[in-house]
Amino acid sequence: MELNQSNFEALQQRTAKLERRLKLINLFWILIFGVLFTSAWSMNKYSGEVIDNLRVRLITVLDEKGTERMYIGSPVPGPMTNGKRVPRVSPATGIIINDLAGNERSGWGFLDNGRQNLCFDGEGGAEIVPLLVELRKEYNLGNMVYPKKNYSRSNCNKCERQGS
């Protein structure tokens, strides 16, 4: 191939175009490595740090799908039943555990109305195994069972505090 003026100019143009592309590619890689380095440095900066006192009102634990599976708080939100949030009898401080759909299935709490509650719920919000204690003059200790349509309840209303 004979190198004449027009071929030489075409090669110069192609070379200049390739040099511009190479500069852009180099700039791109510098930016990528800069972002990766900065990210790695910032993540490493906080690893191992101990926080002596974490003050929050509510911690919500999500599963990998984003469903709210547990609450630890004061107050905890009202129970989710069949996908609908309903109000609690009284504001509560405690730990709530939800099922795969986000419906409340278990909880341990202290309610502002004086009640302590440890409960395992069935589908639809039915209290299957509740343990209730009223923090008033009288104590109310209950155990309820809800097998389908039958209902039985054993409890001790106004039991005397022992040892006081």
N, C-alpha and C. Protein backbone atom coordinates (compact mmCIF):
# COMPACT_ATOMS: atom_id res chain seq x y z
N MET A 1 0.85 -1.18 0.00
CA MET A 1 0.00 0.00 0.00
C MET A 1 0.89 1.23 0.00
N GLU A 2 0.61 2.04 -0.90
CA GLU A 2 1.39 3.26 -1.06
C GLU A 2 0.80 4.34 -0.17
N LEU A 3 1.69 5.06 0.51
CA LEU A 3 1.23 6.09 1.45
C LEU A 3 1.24 7.43 0.76
N ASN A 4 0.06 7.90 0.40
CA ASN A 4 -0.05 9.22 -0.19
C ASN A 4 -0.63 10.18 0.85
N GLN A 5 -0.80 11.39 0.48
CA GLN A 5 -1.23 12.44 1.40
C GLN A 5 -2.62 12.13 1.97
N SER A 6 -3.56 11.69 1.19
CA SER A 6 -4.92 11.44 1.68
C SER A 6 -4.94 10.24 2.63
N ASN A 7 -4.17 9.19 2.33
CA ASN A 7 -4.09 8.06 3.25
C ASN A 7 -3.43 8.47 4.56
N PHE A 8 -2.40 9.29 4.47
CA PHE A 8 -1.70 9.76 5.66
C PHE A 8 -2.63 10.58 6.55
N GLU A 9 -3.43 11.46 5.97
CA GLU A 9 -4.39 12.27 6.74
C GLU A 9 -5.47 11.39 7.36
N ALA A 10 -5.93 10.37 6.63
CA ALA A 10 -6.94 9.46 7.16
C ALA A 10 -6.38 8.70 8.37
N LEU A 11 -5.12 8.26 8.26
CA LEU A 11 -4.49 7.56 9.38
C LEU A 11 -4.32 8.49 10.58
N GLN A 12 -3.97 9.73 10.33
CA GLN A 12 -3.83 10.70 11.42
C GLN A 12 -5.17 10.94 12.11
N GLN A 13 -6.24 11.02 11.35
CA GLN A 13 -7.57 11.22 11.93
C GLN A 13 -7.98 10.01 12.76
N ARG A 14 -7.75 8.82 12.23
CA ARG A 14 -8.09 7.59 12.97
C ARG A 14 -7.26 7.49 14.25
N THR A 15 -6.00 7.82 14.15
CA THR A 15 -5.12 7.78 15.32
C THR A 15 -5.59 8.78 16.38
N ALA A 16 -5.94 9.98 15.96
CA ALA A 16 -6.43 11.00 16.90
C ALA A 16 -7.74 10.53 17.56
N LYS A 17 -8.62 9.92 16.76
CA LYS A 17 -9.89 9.41 17.29
C LYS A 17 -9.64 8.29 18.30
N LEU A 18 -8.73 7.39 17.99
CA LEU A 18 -8.40 6.30 18.90
C LEU A 18 -7.74 6.82 20.18
N GLU A 19 -6.91 7.84 20.07
CA GLU A 19 -6.27 8.43 21.24
C GLU A 19 -7.32 9.06 22.16
N ARG A 20 -8.34 9.73 21.57
CA ARG A 20 -9.42 10.32 22.38
C ARG A 20 -10.19 9.22 23.11
N ARG A 21 -10.50 8.13 22.40
CA ARG A 21 -11.21 7.00 23.03
C ARG A 21 -10.39 6.40 24.15
N LEU A 22 -9.10 6.23 23.93
CA LEU A 22 -8.22 5.67 24.95
C LEU A 22 -8.18 6.57 26.18
N LYS A 23 -8.14 7.88 25.98
CA LYS A 23 -8.15 8.81 27.11
C LYS A 23 -9.46 8.68 27.90
N LEU A 24 -10.59 8.56 27.20
CA LEU A 24 -11.88 8.40 27.87
C LEU A 24 -11.94 7.08 28.63
N ILE A 25 -11.44 6.02 28.03
CA ILE A 25 -11.44 4.72 28.70
C ILE A 25 -10.55 4.77 29.94
N ASN A 26 -9.38 5.39 29.82
CA ASN A 26 -8.50 5.53 30.99
C ASN A 26 -9.16 6.35 32.09
N LEU A 27 -9.82 7.43 31.73
CA LEU A 27 -10.53 8.26 32.70
C LEU A 27 -11.63 7.46 33.38
N PHE A 28 -12.37 6.67 32.61
CA PHE A 28 -13.43 5.81 33.15
C PHE A 28 -12.86 4.85 34.20
N TRP A 29 -11.76 4.17 33.87
CA TRP A 29 -11.16 3.21 34.82
C TRP A 29 -10.62 3.91 36.05
N ILE A 30 -10.06 5.08 35.90
CA ILE A 30 -9.58 5.84 37.07
C ILE A 30 -10.75 6.17 37.99
N LEU A 31 -11.88 6.59 37.41
CA LEU A 31 -13.07 6.89 38.21
C LEU A 31 -13.59 5.64 38.92
N ILE A 32 -13.65 4.51 38.20
CA ILE A 32 -14.14 3.26 38.80
C ILE A 32 -13.25 2.86 39.98
N PHE A 33 -11.94 2.84 39.78
CA PHE A 33 -11.04 2.48 40.87
C PHE A 33 -11.10 3.49 42.01
N GLY A 34 -11.31 4.75 41.70
CA GLY A 34 -11.45 5.76 42.75
C GLY A 34 -12.68 5.52 43.60
N VAL A 35 -13.80 5.20 42.94
CA VAL A 35 -15.04 4.92 43.68
C VAL A 35 -14.86 3.66 44.52
N LEU A 36 -14.30 2.60 43.95
CA LEU A 36 -14.08 1.36 44.70
C LEU A 36 -13.16 1.59 45.90
N PHE A 37 -12.08 2.31 45.69
CA PHE A 37 -11.14 2.59 46.78
C PHE A 37 -11.81 3.40 47.88
N THR A 38 -12.55 4.43 47.50
CA THR A 38 -13.24 5.28 48.48
C THR A 38 -14.28 4.47 49.25
N SER A 39 -15.03 3.62 48.55
CA SER A 39 -16.03 2.79 49.22
C SER A 39 -15.38 1.83 50.20
N ALA A 40 -14.33 1.15 49.76
CA ALA A 40 -13.65 0.21 50.64
C ALA A 40 -13.05 0.93 51.84
N TRP A 41 -12.49 2.09 51.63
CA TRP A 41 -11.88 2.84 52.72
C TRP A 41 -12.95 3.30 53.72
N SER A 42 -14.09 3.78 53.21
CA SER A 42 -15.12 4.27 54.13
C SER A 42 -15.76 3.13 54.90
N MET A 43 -15.93 1.95 54.28
CA MET A 43 -16.49 0.81 55.01
C MET A 43 -15.51 0.33 56.08
N ASN A 44 -14.24 0.30 55.76
CA ASN A 44 -13.23 -0.14 56.70
C ASN A 44 -13.07 0.85 57.85
N LYS A 45 -13.35 2.09 57.59
CA LYS A 45 -13.21 3.16 58.57
C LYS A 45 -14.06 2.89 59.81
N TYR A 46 -15.26 2.31 59.64
CA TYR A 46 -16.20 2.10 60.74
C TYR A 46 -16.22 0.68 61.27
N SER A 47 -15.49 -0.24 60.68
CA SER A 47 -15.53 -1.62 61.16
C SER A 47 -14.90 -1.72 62.53
N GLY A 48 -15.55 -2.48 63.40
CA GLY A 48 -15.02 -2.68 64.74
C GLY A 48 -15.38 -1.58 65.73
N GLU A 49 -16.07 -0.56 65.28
CA GLU A 49 -16.43 0.53 66.17
C GLU A 49 -17.52 0.06 67.14
N VAL A 50 -17.36 0.35 68.41
CA VAL A 50 -18.32 -0.03 69.43
C VAL A 50 -19.08 1.22 69.87
N ILE A 51 -20.39 1.11 69.85
CA ILE A 51 -21.23 2.20 70.31
C ILE A 51 -21.70 1.84 71.72
N ASP A 52 -21.39 2.67 72.68
CA ASP A 52 -21.73 2.36 74.06
C ASP A 52 -23.22 2.48 74.36
N ASN A 53 -23.91 3.40 73.70
CA ASN A 53 -25.31 3.61 74.01
C ASN A 53 -26.04 4.01 72.73
N LEU A 54 -26.91 3.15 72.26
CA LEU A 54 -27.72 3.43 71.08
C LEU A 54 -29.12 3.80 71.56
N ARG A 55 -29.54 5.02 71.28
CA ARG A 55 -30.84 5.49 71.76
C ARG A 55 -31.78 5.65 70.58
N VAL A 56 -32.79 4.79 70.53
CA VAL A 56 -33.79 4.83 69.46
C VAL A 56 -35.16 4.57 70.07
N ARG A 57 -36.20 4.90 69.33
CA ARG A 57 -37.57 4.62 69.77
C ARG A 57 -38.06 3.27 69.25
N LEU A 58 -37.59 2.91 68.04
CA LEU A 58 -38.07 1.68 67.43
C LEU A 58 -37.01 1.10 66.52
N ILE A 59 -36.83 -0.22 66.61
CA ILE A 59 -35.99 -0.95 65.68
C ILE A 59 -36.92 -1.88 64.90
N THR A 60 -36.88 -1.80 63.59
CA THR A 60 -37.69 -2.67 62.74
C THR A 60 -36.74 -3.57 61.97
N VAL A 61 -36.94 -4.88 62.10
CA VAL A 61 -36.10 -5.86 61.41
C VAL A 61 -36.87 -6.33 60.17
N LEU A 62 -36.22 -6.24 59.02
CA LEU A 62 -36.83 -6.65 57.75
C LEU A 62 -36.19 -7.95 57.28
N ASP A 63 -36.97 -8.77 56.55
CA ASP A 63 -36.38 -9.94 55.92
C ASP A 63 -35.84 -9.55 54.55
N GLU A 64 -35.32 -10.54 53.82
CA GLU A 64 -34.68 -10.24 52.54
C GLU A 64 -35.66 -9.70 51.50
N LYS A 65 -36.96 -9.89 51.71
CA LYS A 65 -37.97 -9.37 50.79
C LYS A 65 -38.48 -7.99 51.20
N GLY A 66 -38.02 -7.48 52.35
CA GLY A 66 -38.45 -6.18 52.82
C GLY A 66 -39.67 -6.23 53.73
N THR A 67 -40.13 -7.44 54.10
CA THR A 67 -41.27 -7.59 55.00
C THR A 67 -40.82 -7.31 56.43
N GLU A 68 -41.62 -6.54 57.17
CA GLU A 68 -41.31 -6.24 58.56
C GLU A 68 -41.56 -7.48 59.39
N ARG A 69 -40.48 -8.06 59.97
CA ARG A 69 -40.58 -9.33 60.68
C ARG A 69 -40.48 -9.19 62.19
N MET A 70 -39.88 -8.08 62.69
CA MET A 70 -39.76 -7.92 64.13
C MET A 70 -39.67 -6.43 64.47
N TYR A 71 -40.28 -6.09 65.62
CA TYR A 71 -40.17 -4.74 66.15
C TYR A 71 -39.64 -4.84 67.58
N ILE A 72 -38.76 -3.93 67.93
CA ILE A 72 -38.33 -3.74 69.31
C ILE A 72 -38.48 -2.25 69.54
N GLY A 73 -39.37 -1.86 70.46
CA GLY A 73 -39.55 -0.43 70.57
C GLY A 73 -40.45 0.02 71.69
N SER A 74 -40.56 1.34 71.76
CA SER A 74 -41.42 1.99 72.72
C SER A 74 -41.91 3.30 72.11
N PRO A 75 -43.10 3.33 71.60
CA PRO A 75 -44.05 2.22 71.52
C PRO A 75 -43.83 1.38 70.27
N VAL A 76 -44.32 0.16 70.30
CA VAL A 76 -44.32 -0.68 69.10
C VAL A 76 -45.58 -0.34 68.31
N PRO A 77 -45.56 -0.53 66.99
CA PRO A 77 -46.76 -0.23 66.20
C PRO A 77 -47.89 -1.19 66.52
N GLY A 78 -49.10 -0.79 66.17
CA GLY A 78 -50.25 -1.66 66.34
C GLY A 78 -50.08 -2.93 65.53
N PRO A 79 -50.79 -3.99 65.92
CA PRO A 79 -50.61 -5.26 65.22
C PRO A 79 -51.12 -5.22 63.78
N MET A 80 -50.40 -5.92 62.92
CA MET A 80 -50.84 -6.12 61.54
C MET A 80 -51.62 -7.43 61.53
N THR A 81 -52.87 -7.37 61.07
CA THR A 81 -53.72 -8.56 61.01
C THR A 81 -54.32 -8.64 59.62
N ASN A 82 -54.04 -9.72 58.94
CA ASN A 82 -54.51 -9.92 57.55
C ASN A 82 -54.15 -8.73 56.67
N GLY A 83 -52.95 -8.20 56.86
CA GLY A 83 -52.47 -7.11 56.03
C GLY A 83 -52.97 -5.73 56.40
N LYS A 84 -53.72 -5.61 57.52
CA LYS A 84 -54.24 -4.31 57.95
C LYS A 84 -53.72 -3.98 59.34
N ARG A 85 -53.24 -2.76 59.50
CA ARG A 85 -52.75 -2.31 60.81
C ARG A 85 -53.95 -1.90 61.65
N VAL A 86 -54.03 -2.43 62.88
CA VAL A 86 -55.13 -2.10 63.80
C VAL A 86 -54.52 -1.52 65.07
N PRO A 87 -55.26 -0.68 65.79
CA PRO A 87 -54.70 -0.08 67.01
C PRO A 87 -54.60 -1.10 68.14
N ARG A 88 -53.65 -0.88 69.04
CA ARG A 88 -53.53 -1.71 70.23
C ARG A 88 -54.52 -1.23 71.29
N VAL A 89 -54.79 -2.08 72.26
CA VAL A 89 -55.67 -1.72 73.37
C VAL A 89 -55.08 -0.52 74.11
N SER A 90 -53.75 -0.49 74.20
CA SER A 90 -53.03 0.58 74.88
C SER A 90 -51.63 0.63 74.27
N PRO A 91 -51.00 1.81 74.24
CA PRO A 91 -49.62 1.84 73.73
C PRO A 91 -48.74 0.85 74.50
N ALA A 92 -47.79 0.23 73.79
CA ALA A 92 -47.00 -0.84 74.39
C ALA A 92 -45.51 -0.66 74.10
N THR A 93 -44.72 -1.10 75.05
CA THR A 93 -43.27 -1.21 74.89
C THR A 93 -42.95 -2.69 74.87
N GLY A 94 -42.19 -3.14 73.86
CA GLY A 94 -41.91 -4.57 73.84
C GLY A 94 -41.24 -5.05 72.58
N ILE A 95 -41.38 -6.36 72.38
CA ILE A 95 -40.82 -7.06 71.23
C ILE A 95 -41.96 -7.78 70.52
N ILE A 96 -42.09 -7.54 69.24
CA ILE A 96 -43.15 -8.15 68.43
C ILE A 96 -42.51 -8.94 67.31
N ILE A 97 -42.99 -10.17 67.06
CA ILE A 97 -42.48 -11.00 65.98
C ILE A 97 -43.62 -11.26 65.00
N ASN A 98 -43.35 -11.05 63.72
CA ASN A 98 -44.35 -11.20 62.66
C ASN A 98 -44.06 -12.43 61.82
N ASP A 99 -45.10 -12.93 61.13
CA ASP A 99 -44.94 -14.08 60.25
C ASP A 99 -44.40 -13.64 58.89
N LEU A 100 -44.34 -14.57 57.94
CA LEU A 100 -43.78 -14.28 56.62
C LEU A 100 -44.51 -13.17 55.89
N ALA A 101 -45.80 -13.00 56.18
CA ALA A 101 -46.60 -11.96 55.52
C ALA A 101 -46.56 -10.62 56.28
N GLY A 102 -45.89 -10.58 57.44
CA GLY A 102 -45.82 -9.34 58.21
C GLY A 102 -46.92 -9.21 59.24
N ASN A 103 -47.75 -10.25 59.43
CA ASN A 103 -48.80 -10.22 60.44
C ASN A 103 -48.24 -10.61 61.80
N GLU A 104 -48.71 -9.95 62.86
CA GLU A 104 -48.21 -10.22 64.20
C GLU A 104 -48.55 -11.64 64.62
N ARG A 105 -47.53 -12.37 65.13
CA ARG A 105 -47.75 -13.75 65.57
C ARG A 105 -47.26 -14.00 66.98
N SER A 106 -46.47 -13.10 67.53
CA SER A 106 -45.99 -13.29 68.89
C SER A 106 -45.54 -11.94 69.44
N GLY A 107 -45.67 -11.78 70.75
CA GLY A 107 -45.22 -10.54 71.33
C GLY A 107 -45.03 -10.64 72.83
N TRP A 108 -44.16 -9.80 73.32
CA TRP A 108 -43.93 -9.66 74.74
C TRP A 108 -43.89 -8.17 75.01
N GLY A 109 -44.79 -7.70 75.85
CA GLY A 109 -44.85 -6.27 76.03
C GLY A 109 -45.39 -5.83 77.36
N PHE A 110 -45.16 -4.55 77.63
CA PHE A 110 -45.70 -3.87 78.79
C PHE A 110 -46.56 -2.73 78.25
N LEU A 111 -47.84 -2.79 78.53
CA LEU A 111 -48.78 -1.81 78.01
C LEU A 111 -48.95 -0.66 78.99
N ASP A 112 -49.25 0.51 78.45
CA ASP A 112 -49.43 1.70 79.29
C ASP A 112 -50.63 1.57 80.23
N ASN A 113 -51.56 0.65 79.97
CA ASN A 113 -52.71 0.47 80.85
C ASN A 113 -52.39 -0.43 82.05
N GLY A 114 -51.10 -0.83 82.21
CA GLY A 114 -50.70 -1.61 83.37
C GLY A 114 -50.60 -3.11 83.12
N ARG A 115 -50.84 -3.54 81.93
CA ARG A 115 -50.83 -4.98 81.63
C ARG A 115 -49.47 -5.41 81.10
N GLN A 116 -49.04 -6.60 81.54
CA GLN A 116 -47.90 -7.28 80.92
C GLN A 116 -48.48 -8.39 80.06
N ASN A 117 -47.86 -8.63 78.91
CA ASN A 117 -48.45 -9.57 77.97
C ASN A 117 -47.35 -10.38 77.29
N LEU A 118 -47.48 -11.68 77.30
CA LEU A 118 -46.65 -12.59 76.50
C LEU A 118 -47.64 -13.46 75.75
N CYS A 119 -47.61 -13.38 74.43
CA CYS A 119 -48.68 -14.02 73.67
C CYS A 119 -48.17 -14.63 72.37
N PHE A 120 -48.73 -15.79 72.02
CA PHE A 120 -48.52 -16.42 70.72
C PHE A 120 -49.85 -16.38 70.00
N ASP A 121 -49.86 -15.78 68.82
CA ASP A 121 -51.10 -15.58 68.07
C ASP A 121 -51.21 -16.56 66.92
N GLY A 122 -52.46 -16.85 66.55
CA GLY A 122 -52.72 -17.67 65.37
C GLY A 122 -53.01 -16.76 64.19
N GLU A 123 -53.43 -17.38 63.10
CA GLU A 123 -53.77 -16.59 61.91
C GLU A 123 -54.98 -15.72 62.21
N GLY A 124 -55.01 -14.55 61.63
CA GLY A 124 -56.13 -13.64 61.82
C GLY A 124 -56.10 -12.91 63.15
N GLY A 125 -55.01 -13.00 63.90
CA GLY A 125 -54.88 -12.25 65.15
C GLY A 125 -55.46 -12.94 66.37
N ALA A 126 -55.94 -14.18 66.25
CA ALA A 126 -56.50 -14.88 67.41
C ALA A 126 -55.39 -15.18 68.41
N GLU A 127 -55.63 -14.86 69.68
CA GLU A 127 -54.65 -15.15 70.72
C GLU A 127 -54.73 -16.63 71.05
N ILE A 128 -53.70 -17.38 70.71
CA ILE A 128 -53.70 -18.82 70.94
C ILE A 128 -53.19 -19.15 72.34
N VAL A 129 -52.04 -18.61 72.71
CA VAL A 129 -51.47 -18.87 74.04
C VAL A 129 -51.06 -17.53 74.66
N PRO A 130 -52.00 -16.86 75.34
CA PRO A 130 -51.62 -15.60 75.99
C PRO A 130 -51.32 -15.80 77.47
N LEU A 131 -50.38 -15.05 77.96
CA LEU A 131 -50.11 -14.96 79.39
C LEU A 131 -50.22 -13.48 79.72
N LEU A 132 -51.20 -13.13 80.54
CA LEU A 132 -51.48 -11.73 80.85
C LEU A 132 -51.32 -11.49 82.35
N VAL A 133 -50.71 -10.39 82.71
CA VAL A 133 -50.60 -10.00 84.10
C VAL A 133 -50.98 -8.53 84.20
N GLU A 134 -51.95 -8.24 85.06
CA GLU A 134 -52.36 -6.86 85.30
C GLU A 134 -51.49 -6.30 86.42
N LEU A 135 -50.83 -5.19 86.17
CA LEU A 135 -49.97 -4.58 87.19
C LEU A 135 -50.77 -3.54 87.98
N ARG A 136 -51.77 -4.01 88.64
CA ARG A 136 -52.61 -3.15 89.48
C ARG A 136 -52.71 -3.81 90.84
N LYS A 137 -53.71 -3.43 91.65
CA LYS A 137 -53.87 -4.06 92.96
C LYS A 137 -54.16 -5.55 92.81
N GLU A 138 -54.99 -5.89 91.87
CA GLU A 138 -55.31 -7.29 91.64
C GLU A 138 -54.47 -7.80 90.47
N TYR A 139 -54.24 -9.07 90.43
CA TYR A 139 -53.49 -9.67 89.34
C TYR A 139 -54.45 -10.51 88.51
N ASN A 140 -54.25 -10.50 87.23
CA ASN A 140 -55.09 -11.28 86.32
C ASN A 140 -54.16 -12.14 85.48
N LEU A 141 -54.09 -13.41 85.78
CA LEU A 141 -53.22 -14.33 85.07
C LEU A 141 -54.10 -15.21 84.20
N GLY A 142 -53.89 -15.20 82.91
CA GLY A 142 -54.80 -15.94 82.03
C GLY A 142 -54.08 -16.85 81.08
N ASN A 143 -54.78 -17.91 80.71
CA ASN A 143 -54.30 -18.81 79.67
C ASN A 143 -55.51 -19.15 78.83
N MET A 144 -55.48 -18.81 77.55
CA MET A 144 -56.63 -19.03 76.69
C MET A 144 -56.26 -19.98 75.56
N VAL A 145 -57.21 -20.80 75.17
CA VAL A 145 -57.01 -21.72 74.05
C VAL A 145 -58.17 -21.53 73.09
N TYR A 146 -57.89 -21.41 71.79
CA TYR A 146 -58.92 -21.21 70.78
C TYR A 146 -58.85 -22.33 69.73
N PRO A 147 -59.31 -23.53 70.03
CA PRO A 147 -59.30 -24.54 68.98
C PRO A 147 -60.53 -24.36 68.09
N LYS A 148 -60.28 -23.89 66.86
CA LYS A 148 -61.34 -23.63 65.86
C LYS A 148 -62.53 -22.91 66.48
N LYS A 149 -63.71 -23.57 66.63
CA LYS A 149 -64.90 -22.88 67.14
C LYS A 149 -65.04 -23.01 68.65
N ASN A 150 -64.42 -24.01 69.25
CA ASN A 150 -64.53 -24.18 70.70
C ASN A 150 -63.67 -23.14 71.41
N TYR A 151 -64.11 -22.73 72.56
CA TYR A 151 -63.39 -21.71 73.31
C TYR A 151 -63.31 -22.16 74.75
N SER A 152 -62.12 -22.20 75.28
CA SER A 152 -61.97 -22.48 76.70
C SER A 152 -61.00 -21.47 77.26
N ARG A 153 -61.23 -21.10 78.49
CA ARG A 153 -60.37 -20.10 79.12
C ARG A 153 -60.23 -20.44 80.59
N SER A 154 -59.00 -20.48 81.03
CA SER A 154 -58.76 -20.63 82.46
C SER A 154 -57.98 -19.41 82.89
N ASN A 155 -58.41 -18.78 83.94
CA ASN A 155 -57.64 -17.65 84.44
C ASN A 155 -57.87 -17.47 85.93
N CYS A 156 -57.05 -16.64 86.48
CA CYS A 156 -57.14 -16.34 87.90
C CYS A 156 -57.36 -14.84 88.01
N ASN A 157 -58.58 -14.42 88.26
CA ASN A 157 -58.89 -13.00 88.41
C ASN A 157 -58.74 -12.60 89.87
N LYS A 158 -58.18 -11.44 90.09
CA LYS A 158 -58.01 -10.87 91.42
C LYS A 158 -57.32 -11.83 92.38
N CYS A 159 -56.26 -12.52 91.86
CA CYS A 159 -55.46 -13.37 92.72
C CYS A 159 -54.65 -12.51 93.67
N GLU A 160 -54.49 -12.95 94.89
CA GLU A 160 -53.72 -12.20 95.86
C GLU A 160 -52.24 -12.36 95.56
N ARG A 161 -51.49 -11.28 95.71
CA ARG A 161 -50.04 -11.37 95.56
C ARG A 161 -49.49 -12.18 96.72
N GLN A 162 -48.69 -13.15 96.41
CA GLN A 162 -48.09 -13.95 97.46
C GLN A 162 -46.86 -13.27 97.99
N GLY A 163 -46.69 -13.30 99.28
CA GLY A 163 -45.51 -12.73 99.92
C GLY A 163 -45.58 -11.23 100.13
N SER A 164 -46.74 -10.62 99.97
CA SER A 164 -46.81 -9.17 100.23
C SER A 164 -48.02 -8.84 101.07
